[in-house]
Amino acid sequence: MTLLFLTNAVGAQKKPTLMILPSDNWCTQRYFTTEYDNQGVMEKVPNYRQAFQEDLELGPVISKIGELMTGLGYSLKDAEMELKNISARTAEDNVTLSKSSGAQFSESPLDILKRRAKADIIVQLGWVVNASSITFTLEAFDAYTSKRIATSSGTVNRTAEAIPIQLQQAVERNIKPFDKQMDGFYSKMQSNGREIVLTIRTWDNWENDLESEYDGDELLNYIQQWLTQNTVKQQFNLSDATENFAQFEQVMIPLKNEKGVAMDARSFARELQKYLNVSPFNITTKLMMRGLGEAILVLGEK
């Protein structure tokens, strides 16, 4: 089972909001999966909506784990309702096309869910029911980077009580170390910022590229200067670059902007988009997102 932790404005004392989903392994074992076309490659992913509709255990388990997390100070967001909202938007596409060049861009169903729900952390809860015991594993991942930030596991003997209640009790016995690891992650994020990936690309019909000069310096150098001025502690890494492509990893962005409004990858990239849209650049750009953790700016047109 997966818990998505959300924060509207991260504060030292504020607990994130939870959204509970079944884990990949749980969905695979119970055949709640589907395939989607990822730029010509078919990939198998969890079918969360089917799991909510057809599995009799899932709803009660979510309810019991939700009660536990609420008791620890977290608030709960309804995952099933969020999935219905996404499904209702029939115009939602996994592929975005440039208006003139036809270049493709896609997101997985989970990326779309994370982006819509504004999740900060994904916590996967998987469990196995044996004849005499129940074993569970909790793993927390930063939804922006997919890096593991906390983990916990345990085994309890089977009783006559329902599986959701037994799972709740098993998790409760092991939740304190897990919660402590979560607190450590948030404390670190408070001081070092939130990590994202920023990708810069160019449409193939654009007359310029990242090596084009403006006022005596290359465009890529201007972008790096902007990042130096706007990242937390000037932390970012140019991991790959050509004349038409640049990828910045470990980009540490502030949790809030200068007005105190929560900042995410999209709002951060939006500021760079504004910077490139004025003199001396006057560059039209298209801003796209892959999940929450990667912002893509494509230069030359929308």
Protein backbone atom coordinates (compact mmCIF):
# COMPACT_ATOMS: atom_id res chain seq x y z
CA MET A 1 0.00 0.00 0.00
CA THR A 2 1.29 3.48 -0.83
CA LEU A 3 0.94 6.60 1.27
CA LEU A 4 1.44 9.90 -0.50
CA PHE A 5 2.49 12.65 1.86
CA LEU A 6 1.46 16.16 0.83
CA THR A 7 2.42 19.58 2.11
CA ASN A 8 0.87 22.85 1.08
CA ALA A 9 3.41 24.84 3.04
CA VAL A 10 6.08 22.82 4.76
CA GLY A 11 6.70 23.92 8.32
CA ALA A 12 8.79 22.52 11.11
CA GLN A 13 5.76 21.55 13.21
CA LYS A 14 3.23 20.77 10.49
CA LYS A 15 2.52 17.17 9.58
CA PRO A 16 1.97 16.38 5.91
CA THR A 17 -1.33 15.13 4.50
CA LEU A 18 -1.56 11.45 3.58
CA MET A 19 -3.03 9.77 0.55
CA ILE A 20 -3.09 5.97 0.68
CA LEU A 21 -2.63 3.75 -2.38
CA PRO A 22 -1.84 0.06 -2.93
CA SER A 23 1.83 -0.67 -3.70
CA ASP A 24 3.13 -1.91 -7.05
CA ASN A 25 3.81 -5.40 -5.68
CA TRP A 26 0.38 -5.65 -4.06
CA CYS A 27 -1.29 -4.68 -7.34
CA THR A 28 0.82 -7.15 -9.32
CA GLN A 29 0.08 -10.04 -6.96
CA ARG A 30 -3.65 -9.35 -7.22
CA TYR A 31 -3.55 -8.63 -10.97
CA PHE A 32 -4.58 -4.99 -10.67
CA THR A 33 -2.32 -3.75 -13.46
CA THR A 34 -2.63 -2.15 -16.85
CA GLU A 35 -0.31 -1.11 -19.68
CA TYR A 36 0.34 2.34 -21.06
CA ASP A 37 2.32 3.53 -24.08
CA ASN A 38 5.46 5.34 -22.92
CA GLN A 39 6.68 6.83 -26.21
CA GLY A 40 6.35 3.52 -28.05
CA VAL A 41 7.36 1.27 -25.15
CA MET A 42 4.53 -0.57 -23.40
CA GLU A 43 4.95 -0.48 -19.61
CA LYS A 44 2.91 -2.30 -16.97
CA VAL A 45 1.72 -0.13 -14.08
CA PRO A 46 -0.73 -0.48 -11.15
CA ASN A 47 -4.38 0.03 -11.94
CA TYR A 48 -5.38 1.81 -8.74
CA ARG A 49 -8.95 2.50 -9.78
CA GLN A 50 -9.62 -1.15 -10.51
CA ALA A 51 -8.11 -2.09 -7.13
CA PHE A 52 -10.44 0.29 -5.29
CA GLN A 53 -13.46 -0.97 -7.22
CA GLU A 54 -12.86 -4.71 -6.97
CA ASP A 55 -10.80 -5.58 -3.88
CA LEU A 56 -12.74 -6.10 -0.65
CA GLU A 57 -9.72 -5.72 1.67
CA LEU A 58 -8.30 -2.49 0.29
CA GLY A 59 -10.92 -0.05 1.57
CA PRO A 60 -10.92 -1.32 5.18
CA VAL A 61 -7.09 -1.48 5.25
CA ILE A 62 -6.85 2.12 4.04
CA SER A 63 -9.36 3.18 6.67
CA LYS A 64 -7.45 1.52 9.54
CA ILE A 65 -4.02 2.78 8.46
CA GLY A 66 -5.56 6.20 7.96
CA GLU A 67 -6.85 6.17 11.54
CA LEU A 68 -3.33 5.39 12.77
CA MET A 69 -1.72 8.18 10.76
CA THR A 70 -4.40 10.67 11.76
CA GLY A 71 -3.71 9.81 15.39
CA LEU A 72 -0.06 10.73 14.81
CA GLY A 73 -1.05 14.18 13.62
CA TYR A 74 -1.26 13.61 9.88
CA SER A 75 -4.32 14.59 7.88
CA LEU A 76 -5.80 12.28 5.27
CA LYS A 77 -6.68 12.83 1.63
CA ASP A 78 -9.11 10.53 -0.16
CA ALA A 79 -7.12 8.65 -2.81
CA GLU A 80 -10.16 7.08 -4.43
CA MET A 81 -11.78 10.47 -4.93
CA GLU A 82 -8.58 11.89 -6.43
CA LEU A 83 -8.46 9.01 -8.91
CA LYS A 84 -12.08 9.63 -9.87
CA ASN A 85 -11.31 13.32 -10.46
CA ILE A 86 -8.45 12.39 -12.79
CA SER A 87 -10.53 9.82 -14.64
CA ALA A 88 -13.33 12.34 -15.11
CA ARG A 89 -11.00 14.59 -17.09
CA THR A 90 -11.36 12.64 -20.32
CA ALA A 91 -9.16 15.09 -22.19
CA GLU A 92 -6.16 14.03 -20.06
CA ASP A 93 -3.45 12.68 -22.36
CA ASN A 94 -0.20 10.89 -21.62
CA VAL A 95 1.28 12.63 -24.66
CA THR A 96 1.72 16.35 -25.30
CA LEU A 97 2.55 17.48 -28.82
CA SER A 98 4.23 20.65 -29.95
CA LYS A 99 1.84 22.77 -32.00
CA SER A 100 4.12 22.70 -35.02
CA SER A 101 7.02 20.27 -34.59
CA GLY A 102 5.03 17.31 -33.23
CA ALA A 103 7.61 16.35 -30.60
CA GLN A 104 6.29 13.95 -27.98
CA PHE A 105 6.24 13.99 -24.18
CA SER A 106 4.61 11.51 -21.83
CA GLU A 107 3.91 10.79 -18.18
CA SER A 108 3.02 7.55 -16.43
CA PRO A 109 -0.38 7.30 -14.69
CA LEU A 110 1.39 7.56 -11.32
CA ASP A 111 3.24 10.69 -12.46
CA ILE A 112 -0.10 12.24 -13.38
CA LEU A 113 -1.57 11.30 -10.00
CA LYS A 114 1.40 12.72 -8.09
CA ARG A 115 1.34 15.94 -10.08
CA ARG A 116 -2.41 16.41 -9.56
CA ALA A 117 -2.27 15.52 -5.86
CA LYS A 118 0.89 17.57 -5.16
CA ALA A 119 2.45 14.69 -3.24
CA ASP A 120 5.77 15.20 -1.46
CA ILE A 121 6.46 11.67 -0.30
CA ILE A 122 5.34 8.21 -1.37
CA VAL A 123 5.27 5.59 1.36
CA GLN A 124 4.78 2.05 0.11
CA LEU A 125 3.19 -0.44 2.48
CA GLY A 126 3.33 -4.04 1.36
CA TRP A 127 2.11 -7.03 3.36
CA VAL A 128 2.05 -10.81 3.10
CA VAL A 129 -0.50 -12.92 4.96
CA ASN A 130 0.76 -16.39 5.94
CA ALA A 131 -0.99 -19.19 7.80
CA SER A 132 0.31 -18.06 11.20
CA SER A 133 1.72 -14.55 10.67
CA ILE A 134 1.48 -11.25 8.79
CA THR A 135 4.62 -9.51 7.52
CA PHE A 136 4.66 -5.89 6.35
CA THR A 137 7.22 -3.45 4.95
CA LEU A 138 7.01 0.35 4.97
CA GLU A 139 9.24 2.35 2.62
CA ALA A 140 9.09 6.11 2.17
CA PHE A 141 10.31 7.76 -1.02
CA ASP A 142 10.65 11.40 -1.98
CA ALA A 143 8.04 11.80 -4.72
CA TYR A 144 10.20 14.43 -6.43
CA THR A 145 13.33 12.26 -6.72
CA SER A 146 12.20 8.68 -5.88
CA LYS A 147 14.98 8.50 -3.27
CA ARG A 148 14.30 6.33 -0.23
CA ILE A 149 14.04 8.39 2.96
CA ALA A 150 12.58 6.00 5.56
CA THR A 151 11.89 2.31 6.04
CA SER A 152 10.31 -0.03 8.60
CA SER A 153 9.19 -3.67 8.68
CA GLY A 154 7.71 -6.17 11.09
CA THR A 155 5.96 -9.50 11.59
CA VAL A 156 3.05 -10.30 13.90
CA ASN A 157 1.25 -13.54 14.69
CA ARG A 158 -2.16 -14.11 13.10
CA THR A 159 -5.17 -13.66 15.36
CA ALA A 160 -8.90 -13.99 14.94
CA GLU A 161 -9.22 -10.27 14.19
CA ALA A 162 -9.71 -8.95 10.67
CA ILE A 163 -6.65 -8.39 8.46
CA PRO A 164 -7.02 -4.56 8.44
CA ILE A 165 -7.02 -4.43 12.24
CA GLN A 166 -4.02 -6.75 12.49
CA LEU A 167 -2.13 -4.65 9.96
CA GLN A 168 -2.95 -1.48 11.86
CA GLN A 169 -1.62 -3.01 15.06
CA ALA A 170 1.52 -4.30 13.37
CA VAL A 171 2.32 -0.92 11.82
CA GLU A 172 1.57 0.90 15.07
CA ARG A 173 4.16 -1.19 16.94
CA ASN A 174 6.86 -0.14 14.46
CA ILE A 175 5.80 3.39 13.53
CA LYS A 176 7.97 5.45 15.91
CA PRO A 177 11.35 4.82 14.20
CA PHE A 178 9.69 5.38 10.83
CA ASP A 179 8.16 8.66 12.00
CA LYS A 180 11.55 9.74 13.36
CA GLN A 181 13.18 9.14 9.98
CA MET A 182 10.43 11.20 8.35
CA ASP A 183 11.08 14.07 10.77
CA GLY A 184 14.77 13.92 9.90
CA PHE A 185 13.98 14.20 6.22
CA TYR A 186 11.77 17.24 6.73
CA SER A 187 14.32 18.93 8.97
CA LYS A 188 16.97 18.45 6.29
CA MET A 189 14.64 19.75 3.62
CA GLN A 190 13.96 22.86 5.70
CA SER A 191 17.64 23.82 5.62
CA ASN A 192 18.74 22.45 2.23
CA GLY A 193 15.61 22.95 0.12
CA ARG A 194 13.64 20.53 -2.04
CA GLU A 195 15.42 18.56 -4.77
CA ILE A 196 14.13 18.62 -8.36
CA VAL A 197 15.37 17.95 -11.89
CA LEU A 198 15.29 20.73 -14.49
CA THR A 199 15.56 19.80 -18.16
CA ILE A 200 16.11 22.32 -20.96
CA ARG A 201 15.37 21.29 -24.53
CA THR A 202 14.87 23.00 -27.89
CA TRP A 203 12.32 22.40 -30.62
CA ASP A 204 14.02 21.18 -33.79
CA ASN A 205 12.55 24.04 -35.82
CA TRP A 206 13.99 26.78 -33.56
CA GLU A 207 16.65 28.88 -35.28
CA ASN A 208 18.82 29.14 -32.12
CA ASP A 209 20.23 26.74 -29.54
CA LEU A 210 21.87 26.73 -26.10
CA GLU A 211 25.18 27.87 -27.60
CA SER A 212 23.62 30.97 -29.17
CA GLU A 213 25.11 34.17 -27.79
CA TYR A 214 23.22 37.06 -26.19
CA ASP A 215 25.17 40.17 -25.20
CA GLY A 216 28.44 38.31 -25.57
CA ASP A 217 27.66 35.13 -23.62
CA GLU A 218 26.10 31.77 -24.43
CA LEU A 219 22.48 31.09 -23.43
CA LEU A 220 23.44 28.06 -21.33
CA ASN A 221 25.77 30.22 -19.25
CA TYR A 222 22.94 32.68 -18.56
CA ILE A 223 20.73 29.79 -17.40
CA GLN A 224 23.46 28.57 -15.04
CA GLN A 225 23.88 32.09 -13.65
CA TRP A 226 20.14 32.27 -12.99
CA LEU A 227 20.24 28.95 -11.16
CA THR A 228 23.17 30.12 -9.05
CA GLN A 229 21.13 33.11 -7.94
CA ASN A 230 17.86 31.23 -7.30
CA THR A 231 18.76 27.83 -5.81
CA VAL A 232 19.28 27.14 -2.11
CA LYS A 233 22.98 27.45 -1.28
CA GLN A 234 23.68 27.57 -5.04
CA GLN A 235 23.18 23.81 -5.21
CA PHE A 236 22.65 22.25 -8.64
CA ASN A 237 24.52 19.92 -10.96
CA LEU A 238 24.72 20.15 -14.76
CA SER A 239 24.79 16.43 -15.48
CA ASP A 240 24.51 16.54 -19.28
CA ALA A 241 24.53 19.20 -21.97
CA THR A 242 24.66 19.63 -25.75
CA GLU A 243 23.74 22.55 -27.96
CA ASN A 244 20.09 21.40 -27.87
CA PHE A 245 19.76 19.78 -24.45
CA ALA A 246 20.77 20.40 -20.83
CA GLN A 247 19.81 18.47 -17.73
CA PHE A 248 20.30 19.90 -14.26
CA GLU A 249 20.03 17.40 -11.39
CA GLN A 250 20.10 17.90 -7.62
CA VAL A 251 18.56 21.33 -8.12
CA MET A 252 17.70 22.50 -4.60
CA ILE A 253 14.76 24.91 -4.66
CA PRO A 254 13.29 26.94 -1.77
CA LEU A 255 10.20 25.55 -0.07
CA LYS A 256 8.55 28.97 -0.38
CA ASN A 257 8.98 31.95 -2.65
CA GLU A 258 9.67 35.49 -1.46
CA LYS A 259 5.93 36.00 -0.87
CA GLY A 260 5.73 32.97 1.42
CA VAL A 261 3.84 30.83 -1.11
CA ALA A 262 4.81 27.13 -1.35
CA MET A 263 7.13 26.45 -4.30
CA ASP A 264 7.30 23.30 -6.39
CA ALA A 265 9.20 22.32 -9.54
CA ARG A 266 6.62 23.93 -11.81
CA SER A 267 6.57 27.29 -10.04
CA PHE A 268 10.39 27.34 -9.93
CA ALA A 269 10.66 26.60 -13.67
CA ARG A 270 7.97 29.19 -14.33
CA GLU A 271 10.29 31.87 -12.93
CA LEU A 272 13.05 30.77 -15.32
CA GLN A 273 10.50 30.82 -18.13
CA LYS A 274 9.71 34.46 -17.30
CA TYR A 275 13.43 35.31 -17.21
CA LEU A 276 13.97 33.89 -20.71
CA ASN A 277 10.91 35.65 -22.11
CA VAL A 278 12.34 39.17 -21.73
CA SER A 279 15.27 41.07 -23.23
CA PRO A 280 17.91 40.22 -24.28
CA PHE A 281 16.52 36.71 -24.92
CA ASN A 282 12.84 37.13 -25.82
CA ILE A 283 12.52 33.34 -26.08
CA THR A 284 9.12 31.68 -26.22
CA THR A 285 9.08 28.45 -24.20
CA LYS A 286 6.78 25.55 -23.38
CA LEU A 287 6.72 24.38 -19.75
CA MET A 288 5.86 20.73 -19.11
CA MET A 289 6.04 18.48 -16.06
CA ARG A 290 6.95 14.85 -15.51
CA GLY A 291 5.36 14.04 -12.16
CA LEU A 292 6.34 16.53 -9.48
CA GLY A 293 10.09 16.24 -9.60
CA GLU A 294 11.03 17.17 -13.16
CA ALA A 295 10.23 20.38 -14.98
CA ILE A 296 10.92 20.55 -18.72
CA LEU A 297 11.38 23.84 -20.56
CA VAL A 298 11.38 23.50 -24.36
CA LEU A 299 12.74 26.59 -26.08
CA GLY A 300 11.52 28.11 -29.32
CA GLU A 301 7.72 27.87 -29.23
CA LYS A 302 4.71 26.71 -27.23
